[in-house]
Amino acid sequence: MQMLSRIELTILKNLIYDNAYVKVVLPFLKKEYFSEKTEDILFTQITNFIHKYEGLPTYESLLIELGNLPFREEELSQCAKTLSL
């Protein structure tokens, strides 16, 4: 299965770029839906950002938020790679 075809990645991308999607879908999403570690980290950070700032995060703002957290370098680089797909 290609990475781009995973529904989890599609959801994460829409949480970053589509405000109407966020308003409809976010109340129904659960952390458990994201089984891969990277996707779980990104989902948590995206939802935290949306709740804190009441707006959508940008790619750059997510990288800054991730950089402020105590993750290993490989986890951070994998998150950045996933965001750039």
C-alpha atoms as a PDB file:
ATOM      1  CA  MET A   1       0.000   0.000   0.000  1.00  0.00           C
ATOM      2  CA  GLN A   2       1.350   3.387  -0.949  1.00  0.00           C
ATOM      3  CA  MET A   3       1.677   5.964   1.784  1.00  0.00           C
ATOM      4  CA  LEU A   4      -0.470   8.428  -0.151  1.00  0.00           C
ATOM      5  CA  SER A   5      -3.379   6.019  -0.269  1.00  0.00           C
ATOM      6  CA  ARG A   6      -3.709   5.691   3.508  1.00  0.00           C
ATOM      7  CA  ILE A   7      -6.905   7.270   4.788  1.00  0.00           C
ATOM      8  CA  GLU A   8      -5.119   8.483   7.921  1.00  0.00           C
ATOM      9  CA  LEU A   9      -2.793  10.651   5.851  1.00  0.00           C
ATOM     10  CA  THR A  10      -5.708  12.055   3.901  1.00  0.00           C
ATOM     11  CA  ILE A  11      -7.419  12.964   7.168  1.00  0.00           C
ATOM     12  CA  LEU A  12      -4.280  14.642   8.519  1.00  0.00           C
ATOM     13  CA  LYS A  13      -3.819  16.679   5.336  1.00  0.00           C
ATOM     14  CA  ASN A  14      -7.433  17.845   5.443  1.00  0.00           C
ATOM     15  CA  LEU A  15      -7.023  18.848   9.099  1.00  0.00           C
ATOM     16  CA  ILE A  16      -4.275  21.208   7.992  1.00  0.00           C
ATOM     17  CA  TYR A  17      -5.771  22.651   4.810  1.00  0.00           C
ATOM     18  CA  ASP A  18      -9.584  22.479   4.970  1.00  0.00           C
ATOM     19  CA  ASN A  19     -11.396  24.496   7.624  1.00  0.00           C
ATOM     20  CA  ALA A  20     -14.861  23.250   6.600  1.00  0.00           C
ATOM     21  CA  TYR A  21     -13.610  19.651   6.880  1.00  0.00           C
ATOM     22  CA  VAL A  22     -12.234  20.330  10.363  1.00  0.00           C
ATOM     23  CA  LYS A  23     -15.540  21.732  11.598  1.00  0.00           C
ATOM     24  CA  VAL A  24     -17.462  18.680  10.398  1.00  0.00           C
ATOM     25  CA  VAL A  25     -15.020  15.836  11.051  1.00  0.00           C
ATOM     26  CA  LEU A  26     -12.839  16.770  14.037  1.00  0.00           C
ATOM     27  CA  PRO A  27     -15.519  16.165  16.698  1.00  0.00           C
ATOM     28  CA  PHE A  28     -15.756  12.541  15.533  1.00  0.00           C
ATOM     29  CA  LEU A  29     -12.047  11.717  15.225  1.00  0.00           C
ATOM     30  CA  LYS A  30     -10.266   9.763  17.930  1.00  0.00           C
ATOM     31  CA  LYS A  31      -6.590   9.320  18.611  1.00  0.00           C
ATOM     32  CA  GLU A  32      -7.055   5.544  18.384  1.00  0.00           C
ATOM     33  CA  TYR A  33      -7.791   5.860  14.651  1.00  0.00           C
ATOM     34  CA  PHE A  34      -4.141   6.695  14.003  1.00  0.00           C
ATOM     35  CA  SER A  35      -2.199   3.498  14.568  1.00  0.00           C
ATOM     36  CA  GLU A  36       1.222   4.565  13.312  1.00  0.00           C
ATOM     37  CA  LYS A  37       3.350   6.514  15.805  1.00  0.00           C
ATOM     38  CA  THR A  38       4.011   9.388  13.392  1.00  0.00           C
ATOM     39  CA  GLU A  39       0.341   9.773  12.529  1.00  0.00           C
ATOM     40  CA  ASP A  40      -0.582   9.694  16.220  1.00  0.00           C
ATOM     41  CA  ILE A  41       1.943  12.434  17.006  1.00  0.00           C
ATOM     42  CA  LEU A  42       0.723  14.586  14.128  1.00  0.00           C
ATOM     43  CA  PHE A  43      -2.947  14.119  14.982  1.00  0.00           C
ATOM     44  CA  THR A  44      -2.302  15.115  18.589  1.00  0.00           C
ATOM     45  CA  GLN A  45      -0.314  18.198  17.608  1.00  0.00           C
ATOM     46  CA  ILE A  46      -2.792  19.297  14.938  1.00  0.00           C
ATOM     47  CA  THR A  47      -5.777  18.964  17.260  1.00  0.00           C
ATOM     48  CA  ASN A  48      -3.929  20.690  20.114  1.00  0.00           C
ATOM     49  CA  PHE A  49      -3.091  23.568  17.776  1.00  0.00           C
ATOM     50  CA  ILE A  50      -6.683  23.880  16.526  1.00  0.00           C
ATOM     51  CA  HIS A  51      -8.065  23.928  20.061  1.00  0.00           C
ATOM     52  CA  LYS A  52      -5.427  26.333  21.372  1.00  0.00           C
ATOM     53  CA  TYR A  53      -5.446  28.877  18.525  1.00  0.00           C
ATOM     54  CA  GLU A  54      -8.920  28.233  17.075  1.00  0.00           C
ATOM     55  CA  GLY A  55      -7.463  28.016  13.586  1.00  0.00           C
ATOM     56  CA  LEU A  56      -5.677  25.687  11.223  1.00  0.00           C
ATOM     57  CA  PRO A  57      -1.967  25.080  11.665  1.00  0.00           C
ATOM     58  CA  THR A  58       0.454  25.691   8.843  1.00  0.00           C
ATOM     59  CA  TYR A  59       3.186  23.264   7.872  1.00  0.00           C
ATOM     60  CA  GLU A  60       5.761  25.598   9.412  1.00  0.00           C
ATOM     61  CA  SER A  61       3.862  26.103  12.658  1.00  0.00           C
ATOM     62  CA  LEU A  62       3.528  22.335  13.097  1.00  0.00           C
ATOM     63  CA  LEU A  63       7.259  21.891  12.597  1.00  0.00           C
ATOM     64  CA  ILE A  64       7.911  24.529  15.255  1.00  0.00           C
ATOM     65  CA  GLU A  65       5.472  22.883  17.678  1.00  0.00           C
ATOM     66  CA  LEU A  66       7.029  19.469  17.042  1.00  0.00           C
ATOM     67  CA  GLY A  67      10.518  20.885  17.533  1.00  0.00           C
ATOM     68  CA  ASN A  68       9.536  22.078  21.002  1.00  0.00           C
ATOM     69  CA  LEU A  69       8.569  18.574  22.114  1.00  0.00           C
ATOM     70  CA  PRO A  70      10.896  15.908  23.538  1.00  0.00           C
ATOM     71  CA  PHE A  71      10.940  13.516  20.573  1.00  0.00           C
ATOM     72  CA  ARG A  72      13.855  11.635  19.135  1.00  0.00           C
ATOM     73  CA  GLU A  73      15.372  13.113  15.985  1.00  0.00           C
ATOM     74  CA  GLU A  74      14.143  10.232  13.824  1.00  0.00           C
ATOM     75  CA  GLU A  75      10.550  10.752  15.007  1.00  0.00           C
ATOM     76  CA  LEU A  76      10.756  14.451  14.175  1.00  0.00           C
ATOM     77  CA  SER A  77      12.180  13.797  10.726  1.00  0.00           C
ATOM     78  CA  GLN A  78       9.520  11.167  10.040  1.00  0.00           C
ATOM     79  CA  CYS A  79       6.798  13.636  11.067  1.00  0.00           C
ATOM     80  CA  ALA A  80       8.272  16.286   8.763  1.00  0.00           C
ATOM     81  CA  LYS A  81       8.446  13.762   5.931  1.00  0.00           C
ATOM     82  CA  THR A  82       4.819  12.728   6.490  1.00  0.00           C
ATOM     83  CA  LEU A  83       3.689  16.356   6.501  1.00  0.00           C
ATOM     84  CA  SER A  84       5.451  17.045   3.226  1.00  0.00           C
ATOM     85  CA  LEU A  85       3.689  14.249   1.319  1.00  0.00           C
END
